[in-house]
Amino acid sequence: MENIELQKIVDGSTLTVSLKGRLDTANSGEVSQDLLGSLNGVKQLVLDFTDLVYISSSGLRILLQLVKQLKGQQGELIVRHVSKEIMDVFKMTGFSSLLKIED
């Protein structure tokens, strides 16, 4: 995938995905397919944004899709280690109240 790397760790019904790089229009289609396709049997999806440096509106759309999909299967999305820049985007767009965000 262009400009982004995903690393997945499965622990029971928890899937942790570390994202590194930029989540933007160039790679959002592939990332969306990859993540949505990985949710079978997942009750908790943890996205680790430690090394994510940028998220575009198409990246935000993926987060909405994930929240919706997980809600439908009685699961939850947790976003961890969000940089100040991405947190500013979340606050500006209202995503900070939609997402469960942890340090």
N, C-alpha and C. Protein backbone atom coordinates (compact mmCIF):
# COMPACT_ATOMS: atom_id res chain seq x y z
N MET A 1 0.84 -1.18 0.00
CA MET A 1 0.00 0.00 0.00
C MET A 1 0.89 1.24 0.00
N GLU A 2 0.40 2.23 -0.67
CA GLU A 2 1.18 3.45 -0.86
C GLU A 2 1.18 4.34 0.39
N ASN A 3 2.35 4.72 0.85
CA ASN A 3 2.51 5.67 1.96
C ASN A 3 2.00 5.19 3.32
N ILE A 4 1.63 3.93 3.43
CA ILE A 4 1.14 3.45 4.73
C ILE A 4 1.51 1.98 4.92
N GLU A 5 1.78 1.65 6.18
CA GLU A 5 2.03 0.25 6.54
C GLU A 5 1.06 -0.12 7.65
N LEU A 6 0.52 -1.34 7.56
CA LEU A 6 -0.36 -1.86 8.60
C LEU A 6 0.29 -3.08 9.21
N GLN A 7 0.25 -3.15 10.52
CA GLN A 7 0.75 -4.34 11.22
C GLN A 7 -0.37 -4.82 12.13
N LYS A 8 -0.77 -6.09 11.96
CA LYS A 8 -1.91 -6.62 12.71
C LYS A 8 -1.46 -7.66 13.72
N ILE A 9 -2.09 -7.59 14.89
CA ILE A 9 -1.87 -8.60 15.93
C ILE A 9 -3.25 -9.03 16.43
N VAL A 10 -3.51 -10.34 16.37
CA VAL A 10 -4.79 -10.88 16.84
C VAL A 10 -4.56 -11.53 18.19
N ASP A 11 -5.41 -11.18 19.16
CA ASP A 11 -5.35 -11.78 20.49
C ASP A 11 -6.78 -12.12 20.88
N GLY A 12 -7.17 -13.36 20.63
CA GLY A 12 -8.56 -13.76 20.89
C GLY A 12 -9.49 -13.00 19.96
N SER A 13 -10.46 -12.29 20.53
CA SER A 13 -11.40 -11.52 19.71
C SER A 13 -10.99 -10.06 19.57
N THR A 14 -9.72 -9.75 19.95
CA THR A 14 -9.20 -8.40 19.82
C THR A 14 -8.20 -8.35 18.67
N LEU A 15 -8.41 -7.40 17.77
CA LEU A 15 -7.48 -7.17 16.67
C LEU A 15 -6.85 -5.80 16.88
N THR A 16 -5.52 -5.77 16.98
CA THR A 16 -4.81 -4.51 17.10
C THR A 16 -4.08 -4.25 15.79
N VAL A 17 -4.32 -3.07 15.23
CA VAL A 17 -3.69 -2.69 13.97
C VAL A 17 -2.88 -1.41 14.19
N SER A 18 -1.58 -1.50 13.94
CA SER A 18 -0.71 -0.32 14.01
C SER A 18 -0.60 0.26 12.61
N LEU A 19 -0.85 1.55 12.50
CA LEU A 19 -0.76 2.23 11.21
C LEU A 19 0.46 3.14 11.21
N LYS A 20 1.22 3.09 10.13
CA LYS A 20 2.44 3.89 10.03
C LYS A 20 2.43 4.63 8.70
N GLY A 21 2.54 5.95 8.77
CA GLY A 21 2.59 6.74 7.55
C GLY A 21 1.39 7.66 7.42
N ARG A 22 0.84 7.70 6.19
CA ARG A 22 -0.26 8.61 5.87
C ARG A 22 -1.49 7.80 5.43
N LEU A 23 -2.62 8.10 6.02
CA LEU A 23 -3.88 7.49 5.61
C LEU A 23 -4.62 8.53 4.78
N ASP A 24 -4.56 8.35 3.45
CA ASP A 24 -5.12 9.37 2.57
C ASP A 24 -5.83 8.73 1.37
N THR A 25 -6.24 9.54 0.45
CA THR A 25 -7.00 9.08 -0.71
C THR A 25 -6.23 8.04 -1.52
N ALA A 26 -4.92 8.16 -1.58
CA ALA A 26 -4.11 7.25 -2.39
C ALA A 26 -4.20 5.80 -1.90
N ASN A 27 -4.42 5.60 -0.59
CA ASN A 27 -4.43 4.24 -0.06
C ASN A 27 -5.71 3.86 0.68
N SER A 28 -6.66 4.78 0.77
CA SER A 28 -7.84 4.52 1.61
C SER A 28 -8.67 3.34 1.12
N GLY A 29 -8.77 3.13 -0.18
CA GLY A 29 -9.54 2.00 -0.70
C GLY A 29 -8.98 0.67 -0.22
N GLU A 30 -7.67 0.52 -0.36
CA GLU A 30 -7.01 -0.72 0.06
C GLU A 30 -7.09 -0.91 1.58
N VAL A 31 -6.85 0.18 2.32
CA VAL A 31 -6.89 0.11 3.78
C VAL A 31 -8.30 -0.27 4.25
N SER A 32 -9.31 0.35 3.64
CA SER A 32 -10.69 0.06 3.98
C SER A 32 -11.02 -1.42 3.75
N GLN A 33 -10.69 -1.93 2.57
CA GLN A 33 -10.93 -3.34 2.26
C GLN A 33 -10.21 -4.25 3.24
N ASP A 34 -8.97 -3.93 3.51
CA ASP A 34 -8.14 -4.74 4.40
C ASP A 34 -8.76 -4.79 5.81
N LEU A 35 -9.06 -3.62 6.36
CA LEU A 35 -9.57 -3.56 7.73
C LEU A 35 -10.98 -4.16 7.84
N LEU A 36 -11.88 -3.77 6.95
CA LEU A 36 -13.25 -4.29 7.01
C LEU A 36 -13.26 -5.80 6.79
N GLY A 37 -12.33 -6.29 5.98
CA GLY A 37 -12.23 -7.71 5.72
C GLY A 37 -11.62 -8.51 6.86
N SER A 38 -11.06 -7.80 7.83
CA SER A 38 -10.39 -8.45 8.97
C SER A 38 -11.27 -8.54 10.21
N LEU A 39 -12.51 -8.10 10.12
CA LEU A 39 -13.35 -7.96 11.32
C LEU A 39 -14.15 -9.20 11.70
N ASN A 40 -14.02 -10.26 10.94
CA ASN A 40 -14.78 -11.47 11.24
C ASN A 40 -14.38 -12.01 12.62
N GLY A 41 -15.35 -12.08 13.53
CA GLY A 41 -15.08 -12.60 14.87
C GLY A 41 -14.43 -11.60 15.81
N VAL A 42 -14.23 -10.37 15.35
CA VAL A 42 -13.57 -9.34 16.18
C VAL A 42 -14.61 -8.62 17.03
N LYS A 43 -14.34 -8.55 18.33
CA LYS A 43 -15.21 -7.81 19.25
C LYS A 43 -14.58 -6.46 19.63
N GLN A 44 -13.27 -6.39 19.49
CA GLN A 44 -12.59 -5.14 19.81
C GLN A 44 -11.49 -4.90 18.78
N LEU A 45 -11.59 -3.77 18.09
CA LEU A 45 -10.57 -3.36 17.14
C LEU A 45 -9.83 -2.17 17.75
N VAL A 46 -8.53 -2.33 17.91
CA VAL A 46 -7.69 -1.27 18.45
C VAL A 46 -6.82 -0.75 17.32
N LEU A 47 -6.96 0.53 17.01
CA LEU A 47 -6.10 1.16 16.01
C LEU A 47 -5.04 1.96 16.75
N ASP A 48 -3.80 1.62 16.52
CA ASP A 48 -2.68 2.31 17.16
C ASP A 48 -2.14 3.34 16.17
N PHE A 49 -2.31 4.61 16.52
CA PHE A 49 -1.91 5.72 15.64
C PHE A 49 -0.55 6.30 16.02
N THR A 50 0.25 5.58 16.81
CA THR A 50 1.55 6.08 17.25
C THR A 50 2.36 6.64 16.07
N ASP A 51 2.40 5.90 14.96
CA ASP A 51 3.22 6.28 13.81
C ASP A 51 2.41 6.79 12.63
N LEU A 52 1.14 7.14 12.88
CA LEU A 52 0.33 7.73 11.81
C LEU A 52 0.56 9.24 11.83
N VAL A 53 0.99 9.80 10.70
CA VAL A 53 1.34 11.22 10.67
C VAL A 53 0.26 12.08 10.02
N TYR A 54 -0.68 11.45 9.30
CA TYR A 54 -1.69 12.24 8.58
C TYR A 54 -2.92 11.38 8.35
N ILE A 55 -4.10 12.00 8.45
CA ILE A 55 -5.35 11.32 8.09
C ILE A 55 -6.20 12.31 7.29
N SER A 56 -6.68 11.86 6.14
CA SER A 56 -7.52 12.70 5.29
C SER A 56 -8.99 12.40 5.55
N SER A 57 -9.86 13.10 4.83
CA SER A 57 -11.30 12.85 4.98
C SER A 57 -11.66 11.42 4.58
N SER A 58 -10.93 10.86 3.62
CA SER A 58 -11.21 9.46 3.25
C SER A 58 -10.79 8.52 4.37
N GLY A 59 -9.77 8.89 5.13
CA GLY A 59 -9.37 8.11 6.30
C GLY A 59 -10.43 8.19 7.39
N LEU A 60 -11.00 9.38 7.57
CA LEU A 60 -12.07 9.55 8.55
C LEU A 60 -13.29 8.71 8.16
N ARG A 61 -13.56 8.64 6.88
CA ARG A 61 -14.69 7.84 6.39
C ARG A 61 -14.49 6.36 6.74
N ILE A 62 -13.25 5.88 6.65
CA ILE A 62 -12.95 4.50 7.03
C ILE A 62 -13.27 4.27 8.51
N LEU A 63 -12.90 5.23 9.36
CA LEU A 63 -13.19 5.10 10.79
C LEU A 63 -14.69 4.98 11.02
N LEU A 64 -15.48 5.78 10.29
CA LEU A 64 -16.94 5.69 10.42
C LEU A 64 -17.45 4.32 9.99
N GLN A 65 -16.92 3.80 8.88
CA GLN A 65 -17.32 2.47 8.41
C GLN A 65 -16.99 1.41 9.46
N LEU A 66 -15.82 1.52 10.07
CA LEU A 66 -15.40 0.54 11.07
C LEU A 66 -16.31 0.59 12.30
N VAL A 67 -16.62 1.81 12.77
CA VAL A 67 -17.50 1.97 13.93
C VAL A 67 -18.85 1.32 13.64
N LYS A 68 -19.40 1.60 12.45
CA LYS A 68 -20.71 1.06 12.06
C LYS A 68 -20.68 -0.46 11.99
N GLN A 69 -19.66 -1.00 11.34
CA GLN A 69 -19.53 -2.45 11.19
C GLN A 69 -19.40 -3.13 12.56
N LEU A 70 -18.55 -2.57 13.42
CA LEU A 70 -18.32 -3.17 14.73
C LEU A 70 -19.57 -3.09 15.61
N LYS A 71 -20.28 -1.97 15.53
CA LYS A 71 -21.52 -1.83 16.30
C LYS A 71 -22.50 -2.93 15.92
N GLY A 72 -22.57 -3.24 14.62
CA GLY A 72 -23.46 -4.27 14.12
C GLY A 72 -23.12 -5.66 14.62
N GLN A 73 -21.87 -5.85 15.03
CA GLN A 73 -21.48 -7.17 15.56
C GLN A 73 -21.14 -7.07 17.05
N GLN A 74 -21.75 -6.12 17.74
CA GLN A 74 -21.58 -5.89 19.17
C GLN A 74 -20.10 -5.73 19.56
N GLY A 75 -19.36 -5.05 18.72
CA GLY A 75 -17.95 -4.80 18.99
C GLY A 75 -17.70 -3.32 19.20
N GLU A 76 -16.43 -2.99 19.42
CA GLU A 76 -16.09 -1.58 19.61
C GLU A 76 -14.76 -1.26 18.95
N LEU A 77 -14.61 0.02 18.60
CA LEU A 77 -13.38 0.53 18.02
C LEU A 77 -12.71 1.43 19.05
N ILE A 78 -11.42 1.19 19.27
CA ILE A 78 -10.63 2.02 20.17
C ILE A 78 -9.46 2.58 19.37
N VAL A 79 -9.23 3.88 19.48
CA VAL A 79 -8.10 4.51 18.81
C VAL A 79 -7.11 4.94 19.89
N ARG A 80 -5.86 4.51 19.73
CA ARG A 80 -4.83 4.80 20.74
C ARG A 80 -3.68 5.61 20.18
N HIS A 81 -3.04 6.34 21.06
CA HIS A 81 -1.80 7.06 20.76
C HIS A 81 -1.96 8.03 19.58
N VAL A 82 -2.95 8.91 19.70
CA VAL A 82 -3.26 9.87 18.64
C VAL A 82 -2.37 11.10 18.82
N SER A 83 -1.72 11.52 17.74
CA SER A 83 -0.86 12.71 17.80
C SER A 83 -1.72 13.96 17.99
N LYS A 84 -1.09 15.04 18.41
CA LYS A 84 -1.80 16.30 18.62
C LYS A 84 -2.45 16.77 17.31
N GLU A 85 -1.74 16.61 16.19
CA GLU A 85 -2.25 17.06 14.90
C GLU A 85 -3.51 16.29 14.49
N ILE A 86 -3.48 14.98 14.66
CA ILE A 86 -4.65 14.17 14.30
C ILE A 86 -5.78 14.40 15.30
N MET A 87 -5.45 14.60 16.56
CA MET A 87 -6.48 14.91 17.57
C MET A 87 -7.16 16.24 17.22
N ASP A 88 -6.40 17.20 16.72
CA ASP A 88 -6.99 18.47 16.29
C ASP A 88 -8.01 18.24 15.17
N VAL A 89 -7.67 17.35 14.23
CA VAL A 89 -8.60 17.01 13.15
C VAL A 89 -9.85 16.35 13.74
N PHE A 90 -9.66 15.42 14.67
CA PHE A 90 -10.80 14.75 15.32
C PHE A 90 -11.70 15.77 16.01
N LYS A 91 -11.10 16.73 16.71
CA LYS A 91 -11.90 17.74 17.43
C LYS A 91 -12.65 18.64 16.45
N MET A 92 -11.98 19.06 15.38
CA MET A 92 -12.59 19.94 14.39
C MET A 92 -13.77 19.29 13.68
N THR A 93 -13.68 17.99 13.45
CA THR A 93 -14.70 17.27 12.68
C THR A 93 -15.75 16.60 13.57
N GLY A 94 -15.56 16.66 14.88
CA GLY A 94 -16.51 16.03 15.79
C GLY A 94 -16.22 14.56 16.05
N PHE A 95 -15.15 14.05 15.44
CA PHE A 95 -14.81 12.63 15.63
C PHE A 95 -14.36 12.34 17.05
N SER A 96 -13.89 13.36 17.77
CA SER A 96 -13.43 13.13 19.14
C SER A 96 -14.58 12.67 20.03
N SER A 97 -15.82 13.02 19.68
CA SER A 97 -16.96 12.55 20.47
C SER A 97 -17.54 11.25 19.92
N LEU A 98 -17.20 10.89 18.69
CA LEU A 98 -17.69 9.64 18.08
C LEU A 98 -16.82 8.44 18.44
N LEU A 99 -15.54 8.70 18.64
CA LEU A 99 -14.57 7.62 18.83
C LEU A 99 -14.19 7.45 20.29
N LYS A 100 -13.85 6.24 20.64
CA LYS A 100 -13.27 5.97 21.96
C LYS A 100 -11.75 6.13 21.76
N ILE A 101 -11.19 7.16 22.38
CA ILE A 101 -9.77 7.47 22.20
C ILE A 101 -9.04 7.29 23.51
N GLU A 102 -7.94 6.53 23.46
CA GLU A 102 -7.13 6.28 24.65
C GLU A 102 -5.69 6.69 24.38
N ASP A 103 -4.96 6.95 25.47
CA ASP A 103 -3.54 7.31 25.34
C ASP A 103 -2.71 6.09 25.02
